Structure formats: C-alpha cells, structure tokens
Amino acid sequence: MAADRLVTHGHVVAETLAVVRRRFGAEGAVALVDGPLPVIETVLVTAAQHATALAGYRESLPSGTSFVDQVSFGVIEELGLPRAFALDADFAALGVEVVPA
C-alpha cells in the first residue's frame, strides 16, 4: 500500500548526501549511506518525469520551487503517495499531507 511505503528518488539522495557531507563531513555521509538509506525505497526518475520537472522549474523561476522538489512532485503524483516528509509549503499546496506538520 502506498501509505506504508518510505520512498525517495535519486535526486533527493544526491542533494541530501551533498548537504550532509558539507555539514557533517565524510563520517556523516557514511552514517547516512549505512543507516537509513538502505531501508528507504529509492525509485528511478524517468526521462518523462525529468522533462516535466524541468518545465515546472522553468515556469517557477526566478523564484519558486527547486528542481528537486519539482521532481518530487512528479514522483508523489505518479506513485499516489499520500504524505511527504518536507520542510516547505509547496508540498502542502499539492494537497499532500506534510510531515512534520
């Protein structure tokens, strides 16, 4: 069931690893790779999702939603995920339950 899945995509993994390594060093990145990442389902971003996200990103410039968030919107919609762990209001605007509230 979609509600029971813990899902991310490769763009989020790449962005998260970059931030964690910058803030916490190599040890932090290793802890992420060895800890929570193996239990999270990582889906591949399709060429169509990428193109749609790129168009959405372009439309939202000069301010607006990040490219990674645009990709996330497509993944959430395609998989029918009812909630997202997110720290910005753009996800709630999609009608997705945001954790933390």
PDB file of N, CA and C in Angstrom:
ATOM      1  N   MET A   1       0.844  -1.173   0.000  1.00  0.00           N
ATOM      2  CA  MET A   1       0.000   0.000   0.000  1.00  0.00           C
ATOM      3  C   MET A   1       0.889   1.237   0.000  1.00  0.00           C
ATOM      4  N   ALA A   2       0.534   2.251  -0.801  1.00  0.00           N
ATOM      5  CA  ALA A   2       1.343   3.458  -0.948  1.00  0.00           C
ATOM      6  C   ALA A   2       1.549   4.179   0.384  1.00  0.00           C
ATOM      7  N   ALA A   3       0.560   4.158   1.258  1.00  0.00           N
ATOM      8  CA  ALA A   3       0.664   4.876   2.524  1.00  0.00           C
ATOM      9  C   ALA A   3       1.722   4.281   3.446  1.00  0.00           C
ATOM     10  N   ASP A   4       2.073   3.033   3.247  1.00  0.00           N
ATOM     11  CA  ASP A   4       3.033   2.355   4.109  1.00  0.00           C
ATOM     12  C   ASP A   4       4.463   2.408   3.571  1.00  0.00           C
ATOM     13  N   ARG A   5       4.651   2.985   2.406  1.00  0.00           N
ATOM     14  CA  ARG A   5       5.960   2.998   1.768  1.00  0.00           C
ATOM     15  C   ARG A   5       6.787   4.189   2.232  1.00  0.00           C
ATOM     16  N   LEU A   6       8.063   3.962   2.377  1.00  0.00           N
ATOM     17  CA  LEU A   6       9.025   5.033   2.619  1.00  0.00           C
ATOM     18  C   LEU A   6       9.840   5.128   1.332  1.00  0.00           C
ATOM     19  N   VAL A   7       9.580   6.191   0.552  1.00  0.00           N
ATOM     20  CA  VAL A   7      10.100   6.284  -0.808  1.00  0.00           C
ATOM     21  C   VAL A   7      10.834   7.606  -1.010  1.00  0.00           C
ATOM     22  N   THR A   8      11.887   7.548  -1.777  1.00  0.00           N
ATOM     23  CA  THR A   8      12.575   8.754  -2.237  1.00  0.00           C
ATOM     24  C   THR A   8      13.007   8.518  -3.675  1.00  0.00           C
ATOM     25  N   HIS A   9      13.716   9.466  -4.218  1.00  0.00           N
ATOM     26  CA  HIS A   9      14.284   9.288  -5.559  1.00  0.00           C
ATOM     27  C   HIS A   9      15.733   9.754  -5.541  1.00  0.00           C
ATOM     28  N   GLY A  10      16.458   9.401  -6.574  1.00  0.00           N
ATOM     29  CA  GLY A  10      17.891   9.646  -6.615  1.00  0.00           C
ATOM     30  C   GLY A  10      18.305  11.097  -6.479  1.00  0.00           C
ATOM     31  N   HIS A  11      17.469  12.024  -6.959  1.00  0.00           N
ATOM     32  CA  HIS A  11      17.809  13.446  -6.845  1.00  0.00           C
ATOM     33  C   HIS A  11      17.829  13.869  -5.373  1.00  0.00           C
ATOM     34  N   VAL A  12      16.873  13.371  -4.586  1.00  0.00           N
ATOM     35  CA  VAL A  12      16.842  13.689  -3.148  1.00  0.00           C
ATOM     36  C   VAL A  12      18.052  13.072  -2.456  1.00  0.00           C
ATOM     37  N   VAL A  13      18.389  11.844  -2.827  1.00  0.00           N
ATOM     38  CA  VAL A  13      19.552  11.190  -2.223  1.00  0.00           C
ATOM     39  C   VAL A  13      20.813  12.005  -2.515  1.00  0.00           C
ATOM     40  N   ALA A  14      20.994  12.421  -3.750  1.00  0.00           N
ATOM     41  CA  ALA A  14      22.184  13.194  -4.117  1.00  0.00           C
ATOM     42  C   ALA A  14      22.247  14.517  -3.363  1.00  0.00           C
ATOM     43  N   GLU A  15      21.120  15.225  -3.310  1.00  0.00           N
ATOM     44  CA  GLU A  15      21.078  16.507  -2.607  1.00  0.00           C
ATOM     45  C   GLU A  15      21.340  16.320  -1.108  1.00  0.00           C
ATOM     46  N   THR A  16      20.735  15.304  -0.527  1.00  0.00           N
ATOM     47  CA  THR A  16      20.893  15.048   0.902  1.00  0.00           C
ATOM     48  C   THR A  16      22.328  14.668   1.241  1.00  0.00           C
ATOM     49  N   LEU A  17      22.922  13.809   0.439  1.00  0.00           N
ATOM     50  CA  LEU A  17      24.310  13.420   0.682  1.00  0.00           C
ATOM     51  C   LEU A  17      25.246  14.624   0.588  1.00  0.00           C
ATOM     52  N   ALA A  18      25.001  15.514  -0.365  1.00  0.00           N
ATOM     53  CA  ALA A  18      25.845  16.702  -0.502  1.00  0.00           C
ATOM     54  C   ALA A  18      25.735  17.593   0.731  1.00  0.00           C
ATOM     55  N   VAL A  19      24.518  17.801   1.207  1.00  0.00           N
ATOM     56  CA  VAL A  19      24.312  18.653   2.389  1.00  0.00           C
ATOM     57  C   VAL A  19      24.926  18.005   3.622  1.00  0.00           C
ATOM     58  N   VAL A  20      24.684  16.717   3.813  1.00  0.00           N
ATOM     59  CA  VAL A  20      25.207  16.024   4.993  1.00  0.00           C
ATOM     60  C   VAL A  20      26.735  16.026   4.986  1.00  0.00           C
ATOM     61  N   ARG A  21      27.329  15.778   3.841  1.00  0.00           N
ATOM     62  CA  ARG A  21      28.792  15.772   3.797  1.00  0.00           C
ATOM     63  C   ARG A  21      29.359  17.162   4.085  1.00  0.00           C
ATOM     64  N   ARG A  22      28.722  18.187   3.535  1.00  0.00           N
ATOM     65  CA  ARG A  22      29.186  19.556   3.759  1.00  0.00           C
ATOM     66  C   ARG A  22      29.074  19.944   5.236  1.00  0.00           C
ATOM     67  N   ARG A  23      27.982  19.532   5.871  1.00  0.00           N
ATOM     68  CA  ARG A  23      27.751  19.941   7.267  1.00  0.00           C
ATOM     69  C   ARG A  23      28.406  19.031   8.294  1.00  0.00           C
ATOM     70  N   PHE A  24      28.483  17.730   7.980  1.00  0.00           N
ATOM     71  CA  PHE A  24      28.948  16.760   8.979  1.00  0.00           C
ATOM     72  C   PHE A  24      30.172  15.958   8.544  1.00  0.00           C
ATOM     73  N   GLY A  25      30.701  16.242   7.384  1.00  0.00           N
ATOM     74  CA  GLY A  25      31.888  15.555   6.909  1.00  0.00           C
ATOM     75  C   GLY A  25      31.594  14.168   6.365  1.00  0.00           C
ATOM     76  N   ALA A  26      32.674  13.495   6.011  1.00  0.00           N
ATOM     77  CA  ALA A  26      32.564  12.160   5.422  1.00  0.00           C
ATOM     78  C   ALA A  26      31.880  11.180   6.373  1.00  0.00           C
ATOM     79  N   GLU A  27      32.135  11.337   7.672  1.00  0.00           N
ATOM     80  CA  GLU A  27      31.528  10.423   8.649  1.00  0.00           C
ATOM     81  C   GLU A  27      30.012  10.529   8.623  1.00  0.00           C
ATOM     82  N   GLY A  28      29.498  11.737   8.473  1.00  0.00           N
ATOM     83  CA  GLY A  28      28.054  11.929   8.390  1.00  0.00           C
ATOM     84  C   GLY A  28      27.476  11.292   7.147  1.00  0.00           C
ATOM     85  N   ALA A  29      28.178  11.442   6.031  1.00  0.00           N
ATOM     86  CA  ALA A  29      27.713  10.833   4.780  1.00  0.00           C
ATOM     87  C   ALA A  29      27.707   9.311   4.884  1.00  0.00           C
ATOM     88  N   VAL A  30      28.756   8.749   5.479  1.00  0.00           N
ATOM     89  CA  VAL A  30      28.821   7.296   5.661  1.00  0.00           C
ATOM     90  C   VAL A  30      27.684   6.821   6.563  1.00  0.00           C
ATOM     91  N   ALA A  31      27.415   7.571   7.626  1.00  0.00           N
ATOM     92  CA  ALA A  31      26.322   7.191   8.535  1.00  0.00           C
ATOM     93  C   ALA A  31      24.980   7.175   7.798  1.00  0.00           C
ATOM     94  N   LEU A  32      24.776   8.126   6.899  1.00  0.00           N
ATOM     95  CA  LEU A  32      23.540   8.161   6.114  1.00  0.00           C
ATOM     96  C   LEU A  32      23.474   6.994   5.138  1.00  0.00           C
ATOM     97  N   VAL A  33      24.585   6.732   4.457  1.00  0.00           N
ATOM     98  CA  VAL A  33      24.638   5.634   3.487  1.00  0.00           C
ATOM     99  C   VAL A  33      24.441   4.283   4.168  1.00  0.00           C
ATOM    100  N   ASP A  34      25.022   4.116   5.340  1.00  0.00           N
ATOM    101  CA  ASP A  34      24.944   2.834   6.036  1.00  0.00           C
ATOM    102  C   ASP A  34      23.719   2.704   6.937  1.00  0.00           C
ATOM    103  N   GLY A  35      23.108   3.830   7.297  1.00  0.00           N
ATOM    104  CA  GLY A  35      21.981   3.816   8.230  1.00  0.00           C
ATOM    105  C   GLY A  35      20.634   3.804   7.543  1.00  0.00           C
ATOM    106  N   PRO A  36      20.005   4.970   7.392  1.00  0.00           N
ATOM    107  CA  PRO A  36      18.637   4.996   6.879  1.00  0.00           C
ATOM    108  C   PRO A  36      18.488   4.713   5.382  1.00  0.00           C
ATOM    109  N   LEU A  37      19.462   5.059   4.568  1.00  0.00           N
ATOM    110  CA  LEU A  37      19.260   4.899   3.123  1.00  0.00           C
ATOM    111  C   LEU A  37      18.926   3.476   2.673  1.00  0.00           C
ATOM    112  N   PRO A  38      19.543   2.451   3.222  1.00  0.00           N
ATOM    113  CA  PRO A  38      19.210   1.107   2.758  1.00  0.00           C
ATOM    114  C   PRO A  38      17.758   0.670   3.022  1.00  0.00           C
ATOM    115  N   VAL A  39      17.074   1.310   3.963  1.00  0.00           N
ATOM    116  CA  VAL A  39      15.697   0.898   4.254  1.00  0.00           C
ATOM    117  C   VAL A  39      14.663   1.760   3.538  1.00  0.00           C
ATOM    118  N   ILE A  40      15.129   2.745   2.789  1.00  0.00           N
ATOM    119  CA  ILE A  40      14.230   3.612   2.025  1.00  0.00           C
ATOM    120  C   ILE A  40      14.242   3.159   0.571  1.00  0.00           C
ATOM    121  N   GLU A  41      13.065   2.958   0.019  1.00  0.00           N
ATOM    122  CA  GLU A  41      12.942   2.584  -1.390  1.00  0.00           C
ATOM    123  C   GLU A  41      13.328   3.797  -2.242  1.00  0.00           C
ATOM    124  N   THR A  42      14.309   3.623  -3.111  1.00  0.00           N
ATOM    125  CA  THR A  42      14.722   4.699  -3.997  1.00  0.00           C
ATOM    126  C   THR A  42      14.266   4.370  -5.407  1.00  0.00           C
ATOM    127  N   VAL A  43      13.373   5.207  -5.931  1.00  0.00           N
ATOM    128  CA  VAL A  43      12.854   4.985  -7.276  1.00  0.00           C
ATOM    129  C   VAL A  43      13.670   5.774  -8.282  1.00  0.00           C
ATOM    130  N   LEU A  44      13.736   5.250  -9.482  1.00  0.00           N
ATOM    131  CA  LEU A  44      14.434   5.938 -10.561  1.00  0.00           C
ATOM    132  C   LEU A  44      13.526   7.008 -11.149  1.00  0.00           C
ATOM    133  N   VAL A  45      14.102   8.131 -11.496  1.00  0.00           N
ATOM    134  CA  VAL A  45      13.371   9.201 -12.154  1.00  0.00           C
ATOM    135  C   VAL A  45      13.403   8.925 -13.653  1.00  0.00           C
ATOM    136  N   THR A  46      12.228   8.888 -14.254  1.00  0.00           N
ATOM    137  CA  THR A  46      12.150   8.611 -15.685  1.00  0.00           C
ATOM    138  C   THR A  46      12.487   9.872 -16.481  1.00  0.00           C
ATOM    139  N   ALA A  47      12.772   9.680 -17.752  1.00  0.00           N
ATOM    140  CA  ALA A  47      13.039  10.815 -18.631  1.00  0.00           C
ATOM    141  C   ALA A  47      11.823  11.738 -18.700  1.00  0.00           C
ATOM    142  N   ALA A  48      10.637  11.165 -18.704  1.00  0.00           N
ATOM    143  CA  ALA A  48       9.415  11.977 -18.752  1.00  0.00           C
ATOM    144  C   ALA A  48       9.248  12.792 -17.470  1.00  0.00           C
ATOM    145  N   GLN A  49       9.494  12.180 -16.316  1.00  0.00           N
ATOM    146  CA  GLN A  49       9.419  12.917 -15.047  1.00  0.00           C
ATOM    147  C   GLN A  49      10.443  14.043 -15.015  1.00  0.00           C
ATOM    148  N   HIS A  50      11.641  13.754 -15.504  1.00  0.00           N
ATOM    149  CA  HIS A  50      12.702  14.756 -15.544  1.00  0.00           C
ATOM    150  C   HIS A  50      12.276  15.947 -16.410  1.00  0.00           C
ATOM    151  N   ALA A  51      11.756  15.665 -17.585  1.00  0.00           N
ATOM    152  CA  ALA A  51      11.338  16.730 -18.503  1.00  0.00           C
ATOM    153  C   ALA A  51      10.203  17.560 -17.916  1.00  0.00           C
ATOM    154  N   THR A  52       9.242  16.897 -17.292  1.00  0.00           N
ATOM    155  CA  THR A  52       8.125  17.610 -16.668  1.00  0.00           C
ATOM    156  C   THR A  52       8.627  18.495 -15.532  1.00  0.00           C
ATOM    157  N   ALA A  53       9.536  17.958 -14.715  1.00  0.00           N
ATOM    158  CA  ALA A  53      10.095  18.722 -13.599  1.00  0.00           C
ATOM    159  C   ALA A  53      10.893  19.919 -14.102  1.00  0.00           C
ATOM    160  N   LEU A  54      11.640  19.738 -15.159  1.00  0.00           N
ATOM    161  CA  LEU A  54      12.425  20.822 -15.723  1.00  0.00           C
ATOM    162  C   LEU A  54      11.512  21.936 -16.232  1.00  0.00           C
ATOM    163  N   ALA A  55      10.428  21.564 -16.889  1.00  0.00           N
ATOM    164  CA  ALA A  55       9.466  22.559 -17.367  1.00  0.00           C
ATOM    165  C   ALA A  55       8.812  23.286 -16.188  1.00  0.00           C
ATOM    166  N   GLY A  56       8.450  22.548 -15.146  1.00  0.00           N
ATOM    167  CA  GLY A  56       7.870  23.165 -13.949  1.00  0.00           C
ATOM    168  C   GLY A  56       8.845  24.096 -13.270  1.00  0.00           C
ATOM    169  N   TYR A  57      10.089  23.692 -13.217  1.00  0.00           N
ATOM    170  CA  TYR A  57      11.127  24.528 -12.621  1.00  0.00           C
ATOM    171  C   TYR A  57      11.281  25.826 -13.418  1.00  0.00           C
ATOM    172  N   ARG A  58      11.324  25.686 -14.726  1.00  0.00           N
ATOM    173  CA  ARG A  58      11.474  26.863 -15.598  1.00  0.00           C
ATOM    174  C   ARG A  58      10.312  27.833 -15.395  1.00  0.00           C
ATOM    175  N   GLU A  59       9.111  27.291 -15.280  1.00  0.00           N
ATOM    176  CA  GLU A  59       7.921  28.115 -15.084  1.00  0.00           C
ATOM    177  C   GLU A  59       7.943  28.839 -13.739  1.00  0.00           C
ATOM    178  N   SER A  60       8.584  28.245 -12.742  1.00  0.00           N
ATOM    179  CA  SER A  60       8.569  28.822 -11.396  1.00  0.00           C
ATOM    180  C   SER A  60       9.666  29.862 -11.177  1.00  0.00           C
ATOM    181  N   LEU A  61      10.568  30.000 -12.128  1.00  0.00           N
ATOM    182  CA  LEU A  61      11.650  30.977 -11.979  1.00  0.00           C
ATOM    183  C   LEU A  61      11.118  32.389 -12.156  1.00  0.00           C
ATOM    184  N   PRO A  62      11.724  33.408 -11.599  1.00  0.00           N
ATOM    185  CA  PRO A  62      13.008  33.436 -10.916  1.00  0.00           C
ATOM    186  C   PRO A  62      12.955  32.965  -9.471  1.00  0.00           C
ATOM    187  N   SER A  63      11.793  32.980  -8.860  1.00  0.00           N
ATOM    188  CA  SER A  63      11.697  32.380  -7.532  1.00  0.00           C
ATOM    189  C   SER A  63      10.784  31.175  -7.685  1.00  0.00           C
ATOM    190  N   GLY A  64      10.695  30.390  -6.682  1.00  0.00           N
ATOM    191  CA  GLY A  64       9.788  29.255  -6.786  1.00  0.00           C
ATOM    192  C   GLY A  64      10.391  27.975  -6.275  1.00  0.00           C
ATOM    193  N   THR A  65       9.811  26.909  -6.724  1.00  0.00           N
ATOM    194  CA  THR A  65      10.135  25.585  -6.246  1.00  0.00           C
ATOM    195  C   THR A  65      11.442  25.080  -6.849  1.00  0.00           C
ATOM    196  N   SER A  66      12.249  24.418  -6.032  1.00  0.00           N
ATOM    197  CA  SER A  66      13.517  23.874  -6.520  1.00  0.00           C
ATOM    198  C   SER A  66      13.266  22.765  -7.540  1.00  0.00           C
ATOM    199  N   PHE A  67      14.287  22.491  -8.336  1.00  0.00           N
ATOM    200  CA  PHE A  67      14.175  21.421  -9.322  1.00  0.00           C
ATOM    201  C   PHE A  67      13.926  20.073  -8.638  1.00  0.00           C
ATOM    202  N   VAL A  68      14.637  19.820  -7.548  1.00  0.00           N
ATOM    203  CA  VAL A  68      14.458  18.544  -6.836  1.00  0.00           C
ATOM    204  C   VAL A  68      13.029  18.421  -6.318  1.00  0.00           C
ATOM    205  N   ASP A  69      12.467  19.509  -5.801  1.00  0.00           N
ATOM    206  CA  ASP A  69      11.073  19.460  -5.360  1.00  0.00           C
ATOM    207  C   ASP A  69      10.129  19.221  -6.534  1.00  0.00           C
ATOM    208  N   GLN A  70      10.425  19.821  -7.668  1.00  0.00           N
ATOM    209  CA  GLN A  70       9.596  19.578  -8.862  1.00  0.00           C
ATOM    210  C   GLN A  70       9.616  18.091  -9.237  1.00  0.00           C
ATOM    211  N   VAL A  71      10.779  17.468  -9.154  1.00  0.00           N
ATOM    212  CA  VAL A  71      10.878  16.028  -9.423  1.00  0.00           C
ATOM    213  C   VAL A  71      10.055  15.268  -8.385  1.00  0.00           C
ATOM    214  N   SER A  72      10.171  15.672  -7.123  1.00  0.00           N
ATOM    215  CA  SER A  72       9.419  15.008  -6.050  1.00  0.00           C
ATOM    216  C   SER A  72       7.921  15.086  -6.298  1.00  0.00           C
ATOM    217  N   PHE A  73       7.434  16.231  -6.773  1.00  0.00           N
ATOM    218  CA  PHE A  73       6.009  16.374  -7.058  1.00  0.00           C
ATOM    219  C   PHE A  73       5.557  15.308  -8.056  1.00  0.00           C
ATOM    220  N   GLY A  74       6.350  15.110  -9.094  1.00  0.00           N
ATOM    221  CA  GLY A  74       6.005  14.113 -10.104  1.00  0.00           C
ATOM    222  C   GLY A  74       6.013  12.698  -9.552  1.00  0.00           C
ATOM    223  N   VAL A  75       7.000  12.380  -8.731  1.00  0.00           N
ATOM    224  CA  VAL A  75       7.090  11.049  -8.129  1.00  0.00           C
ATOM    225  C   VAL A  75       5.913  10.819  -7.190  1.00  0.00           C
ATOM    226  N   ILE A  76       5.602  11.813  -6.368  1.00  0.00           N
ATOM    227  CA  ILE A  76       4.472  11.710  -5.436  1.00  0.00           C
ATOM    228  C   ILE A  76       3.174  11.462  -6.200  1.00  0.00           C
ATOM    229  N   GLU A  77       2.972  12.239  -7.249  1.00  0.00           N
ATOM    230  CA  GLU A  77       1.747  12.101  -8.040  1.00  0.00           C
ATOM    231  C   GLU A  77       1.677  10.743  -8.727  1.00  0.00           C
ATOM    232  N   GLU A  78       2.769  10.356  -9.372  1.00  0.00           N
ATOM    233  CA  GLU A  78       2.772   9.095 -10.120  1.00  0.00           C
ATOM    234  C   GLU A  78       2.568   7.882  -9.218  1.00  0.00           C
ATOM    235  N   LEU A  79       3.161   7.907  -8.027  1.00  0.00           N
ATOM    236  CA  LEU A  79       3.040   6.769  -7.115  1.00  0.00           C
ATOM    237  C   LEU A  79       1.819   6.861  -6.201  1.00  0.00           C
ATOM    238  N   GLY A  80       1.135   7.996  -6.229  1.00  0.00           N
ATOM    239  CA  GLY A  80      -0.043   8.171  -5.378  1.00  0.00           C
ATOM    240  C   GLY A  80       0.293   8.191  -3.908  1.00  0.00           C
ATOM    241  N   LEU A  81       1.403   8.812  -3.563  1.00  0.00           N
ATOM    242  CA  LEU A  81       1.831   8.861  -2.162  1.00  0.00           C
ATOM    243  C   LEU A  81       1.006   9.911  -1.419  1.00  0.00           C
ATOM    244  N   PRO A  82       0.441   9.564  -0.281  1.00  0.00           N
ATOM    245  CA  PRO A  82      -0.463  10.476   0.432  1.00  0.00           C
ATOM    246  C   PRO A  82       0.233  11.506   1.307  1.00  0.00           C
ATOM    247  N   ARG A  83       1.512  11.295   1.625  1.00  0.00           N
ATOM    248  CA  ARG A  83       2.207  12.237   2.505  1.00  0.00           C
ATOM    249  C   ARG A  83       3.673  12.311   2.105  1.00  0.00           C
ATOM    250  N   ALA A  84       4.277  13.423   2.542  1.00  0.00           N
ATOM    251  CA  ALA A  84       5.686  13.648   2.222  1.00  0.00           C
ATOM    252  C   ALA A  84       6.392  14.250   3.421  1.00  0.00           C
ATOM    253  N   PHE A  85       7.614  13.822   3.645  1.00  0.00           N
ATOM    254  CA  PHE A  85       8.467  14.485   4.618  1.00  0.00           C
ATOM    255  C   PHE A  85       9.056  15.678   3.888  1.00  0.00           C
ATOM    256  N   ALA A  86       8.644  16.874   4.292  1.00  0.00           N
ATOM    257  CA  ALA A  86       9.074  18.072   3.584  1.00  0.00           C
ATOM    258  C   ALA A  86       9.103  19.245   4.542  1.00  0.00           C
ATOM    259  N   LEU A  87       9.966  20.191   4.249  1.00  0.00           N
ATOM    260  CA  LEU A  87      10.120  21.351   5.110  1.00  0.00           C
ATOM    261  C   LEU A  87       9.623  22.640   4.469  1.00  0.00           C
ATOM    262  N   ASP A  88       9.026  22.544   3.295  1.00  0.00           N
ATOM    263  CA  ASP A  88       8.476  23.743   2.666  1.00  0.00           C
ATOM    264  C   ASP A  88       7.008  23.552   2.302  1.00  0.00           C
ATOM    265  N   ALA A  89       6.328  24.667   2.160  1.00  0.00           N
ATOM    266  CA  ALA A  89       4.867  24.670   1.985  1.00  0.00           C
ATOM    267  C   ALA A  89       4.419  24.222   0.601  1.00  0.00           C
ATOM    268  N   ASP A  90       5.330  24.123  -0.345  1.00  0.00           N
ATOM    269  CA  ASP A  90       4.938  23.740  -1.697  1.00  0.00           C
ATOM    270  C   ASP A  90       4.269  22.370  -1.752  1.00  0.00           C
ATOM    271  N   PHE A  91       4.663  21.483  -0.865  1.00  0.00           N
ATOM    272  CA  PHE A  91       4.084  20.140  -0.865  1.00  0.00           C
ATOM    273  C   PHE A  91       2.646  20.166  -0.365  1.00  0.00           C
ATOM    274  N   ALA A  92       2.396  20.921   0.680  1.00  0.00           N
ATOM    275  CA  ALA A  92       1.036  21.035   1.207  1.00  0.00           C
ATOM    276  C   ALA A  92       0.121  21.659   0.165  1.00  0.00           C
ATOM    277  N   ALA A  93       0.634  22.576  -0.645  1.00  0.00           N
ATOM    278  CA  ALA A  93      -0.157  23.206  -1.697  1.00  0.00           C
ATOM    279  C   ALA A  93      -0.618  22.184  -2.737  1.00  0.00           C
ATOM    280  N   LEU A  94       0.086  21.065  -2.825  1.00  0.00           N
ATOM    281  CA  LEU A  94      -0.309  19.992  -3.750  1.00  0.00           C
ATOM    282  C   LEU A  94      -1.432  19.132  -3.191  1.00  0.00           C
ATOM    283  N   GLY A  95      -1.763  19.344  -1.921  1.00  0.00           N
ATOM    284  CA  GLY A  95      -2.776  18.519  -1.300  1.00  0.00           C
ATOM    285  C   GLY A  95      -2.192  17.279  -0.645  1.00  0.00           C
ATOM    286  N   VAL A  96      -0.871  17.260  -0.463  1.00  0.00           N
ATOM    287  CA  VAL A  96      -0.177  16.145   0.154  1.00  0.00           C
ATOM    288  C   VAL A  96      -0.028  16.461   1.647  1.00  0.00           C
ATOM    289  N   GLU A  97      -0.301  15.476   2.476  1.00  0.00           N
ATOM    290  CA  GLU A  97      -0.052  15.657   3.914  1.00  0.00           C
ATOM    291  C   GLU A  97       1.447  15.793   4.126  1.00  0.00           C
ATOM    292  N   VAL A  98       1.847  16.823   4.855  1.00  0.00           N
ATOM    293  CA  VAL A  98       3.269  17.086   5.067  1.00  0.00           C
ATOM    294  C   VAL A  98       3.651  16.705   6.474  1.00  0.00           C
ATOM    295  N   VAL A  99       4.748  15.969   6.589  1.00  0.00           N
ATOM    296  CA  VAL A  99       5.317  15.563   7.875  1.00  0.00           C
ATOM    297  C   VAL A  99       6.688  16.169   7.960  1.00  0.00           C
ATOM    298  N   PRO A 100       7.080  16.913   8.967  1.00  0.00           N
ATOM    299  CA  PRO A 100       6.246  17.283  10.112  1.00  0.00           C
ATOM    300  C   PRO A 100       5.247  18.369   9.726  1.00  0.00           C
ATOM    301  N   ALA A 101       4.122  18.368  10.441  1.00  0.00           N
ATOM    302  CA  ALA A 101       3.033  19.302  10.128  1.00  0.00           C
ATOM    303  C   ALA A 101       3.423  20.724  10.464  1.00  0.00           C
TER     304      ALA A 101
END
